[in-house]
Amino acid sequence: MTVTNRASQDWLQYCATQEQLDTFNNDGYLIVEEALTPQIIDQLAEVINRVDYEERKKQKLSNDVILSKFCMVAEDDIFLELLDWPKTFPLLWDILGWNIQLYISYLITYPPELDKDK
């Protein structure tokens, strides 16, 4: 196989190992340690907080109820980046095959649980 660009090289290093495939087949899930960088996590938190604030205002929801936002991927380009993230997409490809589609996306935020002892 000839690798023609840097993105291809990045993806190839994150293909599923036999151990990962076995874990997924046996457990039904796979944990990918350090899949996201601290920077992308900070960016995601910022966008999620912004969308949460805007949606609560639009839907007239208080901060103590669950928020559910449909079609979240359209809210910010950062979610598009996650669709083919180099550390996770090759694993999805190896597990699910080539025909991978996103047809629904939700943001669901829960209010913090209050300490009932206080």
PDB file of N, CA and C in Angstrom:
ATOM      1  N   MET A   1       0.845  -1.176   0.000  1.00  0.00           N
ATOM      2  CA  MET A   1       0.000   0.000   0.000  1.00  0.00           C
ATOM      3  C   MET A   1       0.890   1.239   0.000  1.00  0.00           C
ATOM      4  N   THR A   2       0.543   2.199  -0.816  1.00  0.00           N
ATOM      5  CA  THR A   2       1.280   3.448  -0.888  1.00  0.00           C
ATOM      6  C   THR A   2       0.516   4.524  -0.130  1.00  0.00           C
ATOM      7  N   VAL A   3       1.190   5.155   0.819  1.00  0.00           N
ATOM      8  CA  VAL A   3       0.592   6.260   1.564  1.00  0.00           C
ATOM      9  C   VAL A   3       0.962   7.543   0.845  1.00  0.00           C
ATOM     10  N   THR A   4      -0.069   8.306   0.456  1.00  0.00           N
ATOM     11  CA  THR A   4       0.189   9.463  -0.395  1.00  0.00           C
ATOM     12  C   THR A   4       0.161  10.802   0.329  1.00  0.00           C
ATOM     13  N   ASN A   5      -0.358  10.842   1.530  1.00  0.00           N
ATOM     14  CA  ASN A   5      -0.396  12.128   2.229  1.00  0.00           C
ATOM     15  C   ASN A   5      -0.307  11.931   3.733  1.00  0.00           C
ATOM     16  N   ARG A   6      -0.113  13.026   4.442  1.00  0.00           N
ATOM     17  CA  ARG A   6       0.064  12.982   5.899  1.00  0.00           C
ATOM     18  C   ARG A   6      -1.190  12.472   6.605  1.00  0.00           C
ATOM     19  N   ALA A   7      -2.360  12.888   6.131  1.00  0.00           N
ATOM     20  CA  ALA A   7      -3.605  12.440   6.763  1.00  0.00           C
ATOM     21  C   ALA A   7      -3.724  10.923   6.703  1.00  0.00           C
ATOM     22  N   SER A   8      -3.356  10.345   5.583  1.00  0.00           N
ATOM     23  CA  SER A   8      -3.401   8.887   5.457  1.00  0.00           C
ATOM     24  C   SER A   8      -2.460   8.227   6.442  1.00  0.00           C
ATOM     25  N   GLN A   9      -1.283   8.794   6.607  1.00  0.00           N
ATOM     26  CA  GLN A   9      -0.326   8.246   7.562  1.00  0.00           C
ATOM     27  C   GLN A   9      -0.878   8.326   8.982  1.00  0.00           C
ATOM     28  N   ASP A  10      -1.494   9.445   9.324  1.00  0.00           N
ATOM     29  CA  ASP A  10      -2.079   9.598  10.657  1.00  0.00           C
ATOM     30  C   ASP A  10      -3.167   8.555  10.894  1.00  0.00           C
ATOM     31  N   TRP A  11      -4.010   8.342   9.893  1.00  0.00           N
ATOM     32  CA  TRP A  11      -5.101   7.387  10.049  1.00  0.00           C
ATOM     33  C   TRP A  11      -4.579   5.969  10.212  1.00  0.00           C
ATOM     34  N   LEU A  12      -3.569   5.619   9.442  1.00  0.00           N
ATOM     35  CA  LEU A  12      -3.062   4.250   9.486  1.00  0.00           C
ATOM     36  C   LEU A  12      -2.527   3.874  10.858  1.00  0.00           C
ATOM     37  N   GLN A  13      -1.957   4.814  11.564  1.00  0.00           N
ATOM     38  CA  GLN A  13      -1.424   4.485  12.889  1.00  0.00           C
ATOM     39  C   GLN A  13      -2.522   4.244  13.923  1.00  0.00           C
ATOM     40  N   TYR A  14      -3.766   4.606  13.610  1.00  0.00           N
ATOM     41  CA  TYR A  14      -4.869   4.427  14.556  1.00  0.00           C
ATOM     42  C   TYR A  14      -5.869   3.356  14.125  1.00  0.00           C
ATOM     43  N   CYS A  15      -5.485   2.512  13.179  1.00  0.00           N
ATOM     44  CA  CYS A  15      -6.361   1.404  12.800  1.00  0.00           C
ATOM     45  C   CYS A  15      -6.531   0.464  13.990  1.00  0.00           C
ATOM     46  N   ALA A  16      -7.620  -0.262  14.002  1.00  0.00           N
ATOM     47  CA  ALA A  16      -7.920  -1.157  15.120  1.00  0.00           C
ATOM     48  C   ALA A  16      -6.936  -2.316  15.177  1.00  0.00           C
ATOM     49  N   THR A  17      -6.536  -2.634  16.391  1.00  0.00           N
ATOM     50  CA  THR A  17      -5.725  -3.828  16.615  1.00  0.00           C
ATOM     51  C   THR A  17      -6.678  -5.006  16.808  1.00  0.00           C
ATOM     52  N   GLN A  18      -6.151  -6.196  16.739  1.00  0.00           N
ATOM     53  CA  GLN A  18      -6.991  -7.372  16.975  1.00  0.00           C
ATOM     54  C   GLN A  18      -7.556  -7.349  18.396  1.00  0.00           C
ATOM     55  N   GLU A  19      -6.755  -6.882  19.341  1.00  0.00           N
ATOM     56  CA  GLU A  19      -7.218  -6.783  20.732  1.00  0.00           C
ATOM     57  C   GLU A  19      -8.408  -5.826  20.850  1.00  0.00           C
ATOM     58  N   GLN A  20      -8.342  -4.681  20.159  1.00  0.00           N
ATOM     59  CA  GLN A  20      -9.453  -3.729  20.192  1.00  0.00           C
ATOM     60  C   GLN A  20     -10.703  -4.322  19.547  1.00  0.00           C
ATOM     61  N   LEU A  21     -10.533  -5.011  18.432  1.00  0.00           N
ATOM     62  CA  LEU A  21     -11.679  -5.641  17.768  1.00  0.00           C
ATOM     63  C   LEU A  21     -12.303  -6.703  18.669  1.00  0.00           C
ATOM     64  N   ASP A  22     -11.469  -7.502  19.324  1.00  0.00           N
ATOM     65  CA  ASP A  22     -11.970  -8.529  20.242  1.00  0.00           C
ATOM     66  C   ASP A  22     -12.710  -7.893  21.415  1.00  0.00           C
ATOM     67  N   THR A  23     -12.142  -6.813  21.965  1.00  0.00           N
ATOM     68  CA  THR A  23     -12.793  -6.110  23.074  1.00  0.00           C
ATOM     69  C   THR A  23     -14.161  -5.597  22.646  1.00  0.00           C
ATOM     70  N   PHE A  24     -14.227  -4.978  21.480  1.00  0.00           N
ATOM     71  CA  PHE A  24     -15.511  -4.470  21.000  1.00  0.00           C
ATOM     72  C   PHE A  24     -16.502  -5.614  20.787  1.00  0.00           C
ATOM     73  N   ASN A  25     -16.052  -6.682  20.164  1.00  0.00           N
ATOM     74  CA  ASN A  25     -16.945  -7.813  19.897  1.00  0.00           C
ATOM     75  C   ASN A  25     -17.434  -8.473  21.185  1.00  0.00           C
ATOM     76  N   ASN A  26     -16.589  -8.531  22.198  1.00  0.00           N
ATOM     77  CA  ASN A  26     -16.964  -9.165  23.467  1.00  0.00           C
ATOM     78  C   ASN A  26     -17.776  -8.250  24.374  1.00  0.00           C
ATOM     79  N   ASP A  27     -17.406  -6.967  24.425  1.00  0.00           N
ATOM     80  CA  ASP A  27     -18.020  -6.042  25.380  1.00  0.00           C
ATOM     81  C   ASP A  27     -19.073  -5.127  24.765  1.00  0.00           C
ATOM     82  N   GLY A  28     -19.017  -4.936  23.455  1.00  0.00           N
ATOM     83  CA  GLY A  28     -19.980  -4.064  22.794  1.00  0.00           C
ATOM     84  C   GLY A  28     -19.599  -2.597  22.808  1.00  0.00           C
ATOM     85  N   TYR A  29     -18.433  -2.282  23.337  1.00  0.00           N
ATOM     86  CA  TYR A  29     -17.945  -0.904  23.339  1.00  0.00           C
ATOM     87  C   TYR A  29     -16.424  -0.924  23.376  1.00  0.00           C
ATOM     88  N   LEU A  30     -15.839   0.219  23.106  1.00  0.00           N
ATOM     89  CA  LEU A  30     -14.388   0.353  23.100  1.00  0.00           C
ATOM     90  C   LEU A  30     -14.032   1.702  23.708  1.00  0.00           C
ATOM     91  N   ILE A  31     -13.153   1.701  24.674  1.00  0.00           N
ATOM     92  CA  ILE A  31     -12.675   2.949  25.278  1.00  0.00           C
ATOM     93  C   ILE A  31     -11.401   3.362  24.556  1.00  0.00           C
ATOM     94  N   VAL A  32     -11.381   4.594  24.072  1.00  0.00           N
ATOM     95  CA  VAL A  32     -10.212   5.121  23.367  1.00  0.00           C
ATOM     96  C   VAL A  32      -9.588   6.182  24.269  1.00  0.00           C
ATOM     97  N   GLU A  33      -8.530   5.798  24.954  1.00  0.00           N
ATOM     98  CA  GLU A  33      -7.855   6.717  25.870  1.00  0.00           C
ATOM     99  C   GLU A  33      -7.247   7.890  25.098  1.00  0.00           C
ATOM    100  N   GLU A  34      -7.389   9.082  25.650  1.00  0.00           N
ATOM    101  CA  GLU A  34      -6.807  10.300  25.083  1.00  0.00           C
ATOM    102  C   GLU A  34      -7.169  10.498  23.607  1.00  0.00           C
ATOM    103  N   ALA A  35      -8.405  10.163  23.265  1.00  0.00           N
ATOM    104  CA  ALA A  35      -8.853  10.327  21.880  1.00  0.00           C
ATOM    105  C   ALA A  35      -8.891  11.798  21.477  1.00  0.00           C
ATOM    106  N   LEU A  36      -9.257  12.652  22.423  1.00  0.00           N
ATOM    107  CA  LEU A  36      -9.340  14.089  22.153  1.00  0.00           C
ATOM    108  C   LEU A  36      -8.241  14.821  22.904  1.00  0.00           C
ATOM    109  N   THR A  37      -7.748  15.882  22.302  1.00  0.00           N
ATOM    110  CA  THR A  37      -6.721  16.697  22.948  1.00  0.00           C
ATOM    111  C   THR A  37      -7.375  17.605  23.990  1.00  0.00           C
ATOM    112  N   PRO A  38      -6.622  18.069  24.968  1.00  0.00           N
ATOM    113  CA  PRO A  38      -7.186  19.027  25.928  1.00  0.00           C
ATOM    114  C   PRO A  38      -7.725  20.284  25.238  1.00  0.00           C
ATOM    115  N   GLN A  39      -7.078  20.706  24.163  1.00  0.00           N
ATOM    116  CA  GLN A  39      -7.528  21.906  23.445  1.00  0.00           C
ATOM    117  C   GLN A  39      -8.906  21.694  22.815  1.00  0.00           C
ATOM    118  N   ILE A  40      -9.117  20.544  22.186  1.00  0.00           N
ATOM    119  CA  ILE A  40     -10.413  20.306  21.543  1.00  0.00           C
ATOM    120  C   ILE A  40     -11.496  20.122  22.607  1.00  0.00           C
ATOM    121  N   ILE A  41     -11.133  19.535  23.739  1.00  0.00           N
ATOM    122  CA  ILE A  41     -12.094  19.390  24.838  1.00  0.00           C
ATOM    123  C   ILE A  41     -12.518  20.768  25.344  1.00  0.00           C
ATOM    124  N   ASP A  42     -11.571  21.678  25.490  1.00  0.00           N
ATOM    125  CA  ASP A  42     -11.897  23.048  25.913  1.00  0.00           C
ATOM    126  C   ASP A  42     -12.798  23.738  24.897  1.00  0.00           C
ATOM    127  N   GLN A  43     -12.489  23.567  23.608  1.00  0.00           N
ATOM    128  CA  GLN A  43     -13.315  24.175  22.560  1.00  0.00           C
ATOM    129  C   GLN A  43     -14.728  23.593  22.578  1.00  0.00           C
ATOM    130  N   LEU A  44     -14.832  22.285  22.742  1.00  0.00           N
ATOM    131  CA  LEU A  44     -16.146  21.644  22.796  1.00  0.00           C
ATOM    132  C   LEU A  44     -16.952  22.145  23.991  1.00  0.00           C
ATOM    133  N   ALA A  45     -16.303  22.257  25.137  1.00  0.00           N
ATOM    134  CA  ALA A  45     -16.995  22.743  26.335  1.00  0.00           C
ATOM    135  C   ALA A  45     -17.522  24.156  26.115  1.00  0.00           C
ATOM    136  N   GLU A  46     -16.722  24.984  25.477  1.00  0.00           N
ATOM    137  CA  GLU A  46     -17.135  26.360  25.201  1.00  0.00           C
ATOM    138  C   GLU A  46     -18.358  26.394  24.283  1.00  0.00           C
ATOM    139  N   VAL A  47     -18.329  25.603  23.221  1.00  0.00           N
ATOM    140  CA  VAL A  47     -19.447  25.573  22.274  1.00  0.00           C
ATOM    141  C   VAL A  47     -20.691  24.983  22.941  1.00  0.00           C
ATOM    142  N   ILE A  48     -20.516  23.901  23.679  1.00  0.00           N
ATOM    143  CA  ILE A  48     -21.655  23.272  24.351  1.00  0.00           C
ATOM    144  C   ILE A  48     -22.282  24.232  25.355  1.00  0.00           C
ATOM    145  N   ASN A  49     -21.470  24.931  26.107  1.00  0.00           N
ATOM    146  CA  ASN A  49     -22.006  25.907  27.063  1.00  0.00           C
ATOM    147  C   ASN A  49     -22.758  27.026  26.352  1.00  0.00           C
ATOM    148  N   ARG A  50     -22.221  27.473  25.220  1.00  0.00           N
ATOM    149  CA  ARG A  50     -22.893  28.534  24.452  1.00  0.00           C
ATOM    150  C   ARG A  50     -24.244  28.055  23.931  1.00  0.00           C
ATOM    151  N   VAL A  51     -24.249  26.873  23.317  1.00  0.00           N
ATOM    152  CA  VAL A  51     -25.495  26.344  22.759  1.00  0.00           C
ATOM    153  C   VAL A  51     -26.503  26.061  23.874  1.00  0.00           C
ATOM    154  N   ASP A  52     -26.029  25.515  24.978  1.00  0.00           N
ATOM    155  CA  ASP A  52     -26.908  25.254  26.119  1.00  0.00           C
ATOM    156  C   ASP A  52     -27.568  26.553  26.582  1.00  0.00           C
ATOM    157  N   TYR A  53     -26.777  27.597  26.732  1.00  0.00           N
ATOM    158  CA  TYR A  53     -27.303  28.893  27.168  1.00  0.00           C
ATOM    159  C   TYR A  53     -28.350  29.419  26.176  1.00  0.00           C
ATOM    160  N   GLU A  54     -28.010  29.397  24.879  1.00  0.00           N
ATOM    161  CA  GLU A  54     -28.915  29.921  23.853  1.00  0.00           C
ATOM    162  C   GLU A  54     -30.211  29.120  23.785  1.00  0.00           C
ATOM    163  N   GLU A  55     -30.105  27.805  23.855  1.00  0.00           N
ATOM    164  CA  GLU A  55     -31.297  26.957  23.768  1.00  0.00           C
ATOM    165  C   GLU A  55     -32.188  27.098  24.993  1.00  0.00           C
ATOM    166  N   ARG A  56     -31.585  27.189  26.159  1.00  0.00           N
ATOM    167  CA  ARG A  56     -32.386  27.379  27.375  1.00  0.00           C
ATOM    168  C   ARG A  56     -33.156  28.699  27.297  1.00  0.00           C
ATOM    169  N   LYS A  57     -32.500  29.710  26.768  1.00  0.00           N
ATOM    170  CA  LYS A  57     -33.154  31.012  26.604  1.00  0.00           C
ATOM    171  C   LYS A  57     -34.301  30.898  25.587  1.00  0.00           C
ATOM    172  N   LYS A  58     -34.016  30.264  24.455  1.00  0.00           N
ATOM    173  CA  LYS A  58     -35.019  30.122  23.396  1.00  0.00           C
ATOM    174  C   LYS A  58     -36.212  29.270  23.852  1.00  0.00           C
ATOM    175  N   GLN A  59     -35.929  28.181  24.567  1.00  0.00           N
ATOM    176  CA  GLN A  59     -36.993  27.272  25.004  1.00  0.00           C
ATOM    177  C   GLN A  59     -37.592  27.659  26.364  1.00  0.00           C
ATOM    178  N   LYS A  60     -37.045  28.732  26.952  1.00  0.00           N
ATOM    179  CA  LYS A  60     -37.492  29.203  28.267  1.00  0.00           C
ATOM    180  C   LYS A  60     -37.377  28.102  29.318  1.00  0.00           C
ATOM    181  N   LEU A  61     -36.196  27.483  29.352  1.00  0.00           N
ATOM    182  CA  LEU A  61     -35.911  26.421  30.319  1.00  0.00           C
ATOM    183  C   LEU A  61     -35.013  26.948  31.425  1.00  0.00           C
ATOM    184  N   SER A  62     -35.284  26.542  32.623  1.00  0.00           N
ATOM    185  CA  SER A  62     -34.409  26.912  33.735  1.00  0.00           C
ATOM    186  C   SER A  62     -33.184  25.999  33.734  1.00  0.00           C
ATOM    187  N   ASN A  63     -32.220  26.331  34.555  1.00  0.00           N
ATOM    188  CA  ASN A  63     -30.974  25.561  34.614  1.00  0.00           C
ATOM    189  C   ASN A  63     -31.106  24.246  35.362  1.00  0.00           C
ATOM    190  N   ASP A  64     -32.269  23.999  35.972  1.00  0.00           N
ATOM    191  CA  ASP A  64     -32.418  22.776  36.754  1.00  0.00           C
ATOM    192  C   ASP A  64     -33.203  21.680  36.030  1.00  0.00           C
ATOM    193  N   VAL A  65     -33.365  21.816  34.709  1.00  0.00           N
ATOM    194  CA  VAL A  65     -34.032  20.777  33.913  1.00  0.00           C
ATOM    195  C   VAL A  65     -33.109  20.311  32.790  1.00  0.00           C
ATOM    196  N   ILE A  66     -33.390  19.128  32.283  1.00  0.00           N
ATOM    197  CA  ILE A  66     -32.607  18.557  31.187  1.00  0.00           C
ATOM    198  C   ILE A  66     -32.888  19.336  29.903  1.00  0.00           C
ATOM    199  N   LEU A  67     -31.839  19.566  29.137  1.00  0.00           N
ATOM    200  CA  LEU A  67     -31.969  20.202  27.824  1.00  0.00           C
ATOM    201  C   LEU A  67     -31.660  19.170  26.749  1.00  0.00           C
ATOM    202  N   SER A  68     -32.496  19.113  25.724  1.00  0.00           N
ATOM    203  CA  SER A  68     -32.251  18.250  24.578  1.00  0.00           C
ATOM    204  C   SER A  68     -32.296  19.106  23.322  1.00  0.00           C
ATOM    205  N   LYS A  69     -31.204  19.118  22.578  1.00  0.00           N
ATOM    206  CA  LYS A  69     -31.083  19.936  21.364  1.00  0.00           C
ATOM    207  C   LYS A  69     -30.859  19.016  20.172  1.00  0.00           C
ATOM    208  N   PHE A  70     -31.769  19.052  19.211  1.00  0.00           N
ATOM    209  CA  PHE A  70     -31.702  18.228  18.008  1.00  0.00           C
ATOM    210  C   PHE A  70     -30.795  18.881  16.964  1.00  0.00           C
ATOM    211  N   CYS A  71     -30.156  18.076  16.140  1.00  0.00           N
ATOM    212  CA  CYS A  71     -29.307  18.520  15.029  1.00  0.00           C
ATOM    213  C   CYS A  71     -28.128  19.366  15.521  1.00  0.00           C
ATOM    214  N   MET A  72     -27.472  18.873  16.523  1.00  0.00           N
ATOM    215  CA  MET A  72     -26.373  19.606  17.156  1.00  0.00           C
ATOM    216  C   MET A  72     -25.197  19.816  16.216  1.00  0.00           C
ATOM    217  N   VAL A  73     -24.952  18.890  15.324  1.00  0.00           N
ATOM    218  CA  VAL A  73     -23.785  18.986  14.450  1.00  0.00           C
ATOM    219  C   VAL A  73     -23.812  20.256  13.603  1.00  0.00           C
ATOM    220  N   ALA A  74     -24.990  20.808  13.377  1.00  0.00           N
ATOM    221  CA  ALA A  74     -25.113  22.022  12.563  1.00  0.00           C
ATOM    222  C   ALA A  74     -24.816  23.296  13.352  1.00  0.00           C
ATOM    223  N   GLU A  75     -24.644  23.197  14.644  1.00  0.00           N
ATOM    224  CA  GLU A  75     -24.448  24.375  15.489  1.00  0.00           C
ATOM    225  C   GLU A  75     -23.051  24.979  15.405  1.00  0.00           C
ATOM    226  N   ASP A  76     -22.054  24.149  15.102  1.00  0.00           N
ATOM    227  CA  ASP A  76     -20.682  24.657  15.078  1.00  0.00           C
ATOM    228  C   ASP A  76     -19.806  23.686  14.286  1.00  0.00           C
ATOM    229  N   ASP A  77     -18.862  24.229  13.542  1.00  0.00           N
ATOM    230  CA  ASP A  77     -17.969  23.399  12.725  1.00  0.00           C
ATOM    231  C   ASP A  77     -17.110  22.446  13.544  1.00  0.00           C
ATOM    232  N   ILE A  78     -16.941  22.710  14.815  1.00  0.00           N
ATOM    233  CA  ILE A  78     -16.117  21.829  15.639  1.00  0.00           C
ATOM    234  C   ILE A  78     -16.693  20.412  15.674  1.00  0.00           C
ATOM    235  N   PHE A  79     -18.006  20.287  15.576  1.00  0.00           N
ATOM    236  CA  PHE A  79     -18.617  18.959  15.573  1.00  0.00           C
ATOM    237  C   PHE A  79     -18.340  18.224  14.268  1.00  0.00           C
ATOM    238  N   LEU A  80     -18.189  18.972  13.178  1.00  0.00           N
ATOM    239  CA  LEU A  80     -17.811  18.346  11.907  1.00  0.00           C
ATOM    240  C   LEU A  80     -16.414  17.747  11.998  1.00  0.00           C
ATOM    241  N   GLU A  81     -15.526  18.427  12.725  1.00  0.00           N
ATOM    242  CA  GLU A  81     -14.171  17.904  12.906  1.00  0.00           C
ATOM    243  C   GLU A  81     -14.186  16.546  13.598  1.00  0.00           C
ATOM    244  N   LEU A  82     -15.134  16.343  14.490  1.00  0.00           N
ATOM    245  CA  LEU A  82     -15.197  15.088  15.232  1.00  0.00           C
ATOM    246  C   LEU A  82     -15.652  13.912  14.375  1.00  0.00           C
ATOM    247  N   LEU A  83     -16.353  14.196  13.279  1.00  0.00           N
ATOM    248  CA  LEU A  83     -16.886  13.111  12.459  1.00  0.00           C
ATOM    249  C   LEU A  83     -15.803  12.209  11.889  1.00  0.00           C
ATOM    250  N   ASP A  84     -14.694  12.789  11.489  1.00  0.00           N
ATOM    251  CA  ASP A  84     -13.603  11.962  10.947  1.00  0.00           C
ATOM    252  C   ASP A  84     -12.312  12.173  11.740  1.00  0.00           C
ATOM    253  N   TRP A  85     -12.450  12.269  13.042  1.00  0.00           N
ATOM    254  CA  TRP A  85     -11.312  12.492  13.935  1.00  0.00           C
ATOM    255  C   TRP A  85     -10.286  11.379  13.742  1.00  0.00           C
ATOM    256  N   PRO A  86      -9.016  11.734  13.524  1.00  0.00           N
ATOM    257  CA  PRO A  86      -7.989  10.741  13.173  1.00  0.00           C
ATOM    258  C   PRO A  86      -7.797   9.609  14.178  1.00  0.00           C
ATOM    259  N   LYS A  87      -8.004   9.866  15.458  1.00  0.00           N
ATOM    260  CA  LYS A  87      -7.786   8.809  16.453  1.00  0.00           C
ATOM    261  C   LYS A  87      -8.984   7.877  16.622  1.00  0.00           C
ATOM    262  N   THR A  88     -10.145   8.260  16.092  1.00  0.00           N
ATOM    263  CA  THR A  88     -11.325   7.419  16.277  1.00  0.00           C
ATOM    264  C   THR A  88     -11.936   6.909  14.980  1.00  0.00           C
ATOM    265  N   PHE A  89     -11.888   7.696  13.920  1.00  0.00           N
ATOM    266  CA  PHE A  89     -12.550   7.270  12.687  1.00  0.00           C
ATOM    267  C   PHE A  89     -11.972   5.983  12.107  1.00  0.00           C
ATOM    268  N   PRO A  90     -10.657   5.804  12.102  1.00  0.00           N
ATOM    269  CA  PRO A  90     -10.143   4.522  11.598  1.00  0.00           C
ATOM    270  C   PRO A  90     -10.677   3.324  12.393  1.00  0.00           C
ATOM    271  N   LEU A  91     -10.889   3.500  13.682  1.00  0.00           N
ATOM    272  CA  LEU A  91     -11.462   2.425  14.493  1.00  0.00           C
ATOM    273  C   LEU A  91     -12.901   2.145  14.069  1.00  0.00           C
ATOM    274  N   LEU A  92     -13.673   3.217  13.865  1.00  0.00           N
ATOM    275  CA  LEU A  92     -15.050   3.039  13.393  1.00  0.00           C
ATOM    276  C   LEU A  92     -15.083   2.310  12.061  1.00  0.00           C
ATOM    277  N   TRP A  93     -14.210   2.706  11.171  1.00  0.00           N
ATOM    278  CA  TRP A  93     -14.134   2.083   9.851  1.00  0.00           C
ATOM    279  C   TRP A  93     -13.856   0.587   9.994  1.00  0.00           C
ATOM    280  N   ASP A  94     -12.891   0.251  10.843  1.00  0.00           N
ATOM    281  CA  ASP A  94     -12.529  -1.153  11.024  1.00  0.00           C
ATOM    282  C   ASP A  94     -13.643  -1.958  11.689  1.00  0.00           C
ATOM    283  N   ILE A  95     -14.418  -1.326  12.552  1.00  0.00           N
ATOM    284  CA  ILE A  95     -15.493  -2.024  13.258  1.00  0.00           C
ATOM    285  C   ILE A  95     -16.774  -2.076  12.429  1.00  0.00           C
ATOM    286  N   LEU A  96     -17.146  -0.950  11.823  1.00  0.00           N
ATOM    287  CA  LEU A  96     -18.436  -0.843  11.142  1.00  0.00           C
ATOM    288  C   LEU A  96     -18.374  -1.009   9.626  1.00  0.00           C
ATOM    289  N   GLY A  97     -17.197  -0.842   9.048  1.00  0.00           N
ATOM    290  CA  GLY A  97     -17.090  -0.883   7.596  1.00  0.00           C
ATOM    291  C   GLY A  97     -17.095   0.517   7.007  1.00  0.00           C
ATOM    292  N   TRP A  98     -17.090   0.603   5.703  1.00  0.00           N
ATOM    293  CA  TRP A  98     -16.894   1.880   5.014  1.00  0.00           C
ATOM    294  C   TRP A  98     -18.137   2.761   4.970  1.00  0.00           C
ATOM    295  N   ASN A  99     -19.331   2.212   5.072  1.00  0.00           N
ATOM    296  CA  ASN A  99     -20.560   2.988   4.885  1.00  0.00           C
ATOM    297  C   ASN A  99     -21.017   3.598   6.212  1.00  0.00           C
ATOM    298  N   ILE A 100     -20.298   4.612   6.660  1.00  0.00           N
ATOM    299  CA  ILE A 100     -20.582   5.266   7.935  1.00  0.00           C
ATOM    300  C   ILE A 100     -21.275   6.594   7.650  1.00  0.00           C
ATOM    301  N   GLN A 101     -22.412   6.807   8.314  1.00  0.00           N
ATOM    302  CA  GLN A 101     -23.187   8.023   8.080  1.00  0.00           C
ATOM    303  C   GLN A 101     -23.632   8.627   9.408  1.00  0.00           C
ATOM    304  N   LEU A 102     -23.747   9.931   9.431  1.00  0.00           N
ATOM    305  CA  LEU A 102     -24.367  10.608  10.567  1.00  0.00           C
ATOM    306  C   LEU A 102     -25.734  11.075  10.091  1.00  0.00           C
ATOM    307  N   TYR A 103     -26.776  10.583  10.730  1.00  0.00           N
ATOM    308  CA  TYR A 103     -28.105  11.023  10.320  1.00  0.00           C
ATOM    309  C   TYR A 103     -28.882  11.669  11.449  1.00  0.00           C
ATOM    310  N   ILE A 104     -28.337  11.678  12.639  1.00  0.00           N
ATOM    311  CA  ILE A 104     -28.993  12.370  13.741  1.00  0.00           C
ATOM    312  C   ILE A 104     -27.931  12.760  14.763  1.00  0.00           C
ATOM    313  N   SER A 105     -28.091  13.907  15.359  1.00  0.00           N
ATOM    314  CA  SER A 105     -27.160  14.323  16.413  1.00  0.00           C
ATOM    315  C   SER A 105     -27.929  15.121  17.462  1.00  0.00           C
ATOM    316  N   TYR A 106     -27.660  14.807  18.694  1.00  0.00           N
ATOM    317  CA  TYR A 106     -28.310  15.466  19.824  1.00  0.00           C
ATOM    318  C   TYR A 106     -27.275  15.992  20.795  1.00  0.00           C
ATOM    319  N   LEU A 107     -27.628  17.067  21.449  1.00  0.00           N
ATOM    320  CA  LEU A 107     -26.933  17.515  22.648  1.00  0.00           C
ATOM    321  C   LEU A 107     -27.940  17.357  23.777  1.00  0.00           C
ATOM    322  N   ILE A 108     -27.558  16.610  24.794  1.00  0.00           N
ATOM    323  CA  ILE A 108     -28.396  16.450  25.976  1.00  0.00           C
ATOM    324  C   ILE A 108     -27.554  16.862  27.169  1.00  0.00           C
ATOM    325  N   THR A 109     -27.989  17.877  27.869  1.00  0.00           N
ATOM    326  CA  THR A 109     -27.267  18.313  29.064  1.00  0.00           C
ATOM    327  C   THR A 109     -28.171  18.149  30.278  1.00  0.00           C
ATOM    328  N   TYR A 110     -27.573  17.615  31.315  1.00  0.00           N
ATOM    329  CA  TYR A 110     -28.264  17.404  32.582  1.00  0.00           C
ATOM    330  C   TYR A 110     -27.802  18.454  33.585  1.00  0.00           C
ATOM    331  N   PRO A 111     -28.713  18.925  34.415  1.00  0.00           N
ATOM    332  CA  PRO A 111     -28.288  19.862  35.457  1.00  0.00           C
ATOM    333  C   PRO A 111     -27.432  19.117  36.481  1.00  0.00           C
ATOM    334  N   PRO A 112     -26.571  19.829  37.179  1.00  0.00           N
ATOM    335  CA  PRO A 112     -25.782  19.169  38.220  1.00  0.00           C
ATOM    336  C   PRO A 112     -26.703  18.628  39.313  1.00  0.00           C
ATOM    337  N   GLU A 113     -26.316  17.487  39.858  1.00  0.00           N
ATOM    338  CA  GLU A 113     -27.094  16.936  40.966  1.00  0.00           C
ATOM    339  C   GLU A 113     -26.798  17.739  42.225  1.00  0.00           C
ATOM    340  N   LEU A 114     -27.832  18.091  42.921  1.00  0.00           N
ATOM    341  CA  LEU A 114     -27.679  18.836  44.162  1.00  0.00           C
ATOM    342  C   LEU A 114     -27.383  17.867  45.297  1.00  0.00           C
ATOM    343  N   ASP A 115     -26.555  18.299  46.203  1.00  0.00           N
ATOM    344  CA  ASP A 115     -26.243  17.493  47.379  1.00  0.00           C
ATOM    345  C   ASP A 115     -27.459  17.519  48.301  1.00  0.00           C
ATOM    346  N   LYS A 116     -28.126  16.389  48.435  1.00  0.00           N
ATOM    347  CA  LYS A 116     -29.369  16.329  49.210  1.00  0.00           C
ATOM    348  C   LYS A 116     -29.143  16.435  50.708  1.00  0.00           C
ATOM    349  N   ASP A 117     -27.906  16.249  51.145  1.00  0.00           N
ATOM    350  CA  ASP A 117     -27.601  16.338  52.570  1.00  0.00           C
ATOM    351  C   ASP A 117     -27.465  17.779  53.047  1.00  0.00           C
ATOM    352  N   LYS A 118     -27.344  18.710  52.140  1.00  0.00           N
ATOM    353  CA  LYS A 118     -27.136  20.114  52.528  1.00  0.00           C
ATOM    354  C   LYS A 118     -28.438  20.859  52.598  1.00  0.00           C
TER     355      LYS A 118
END
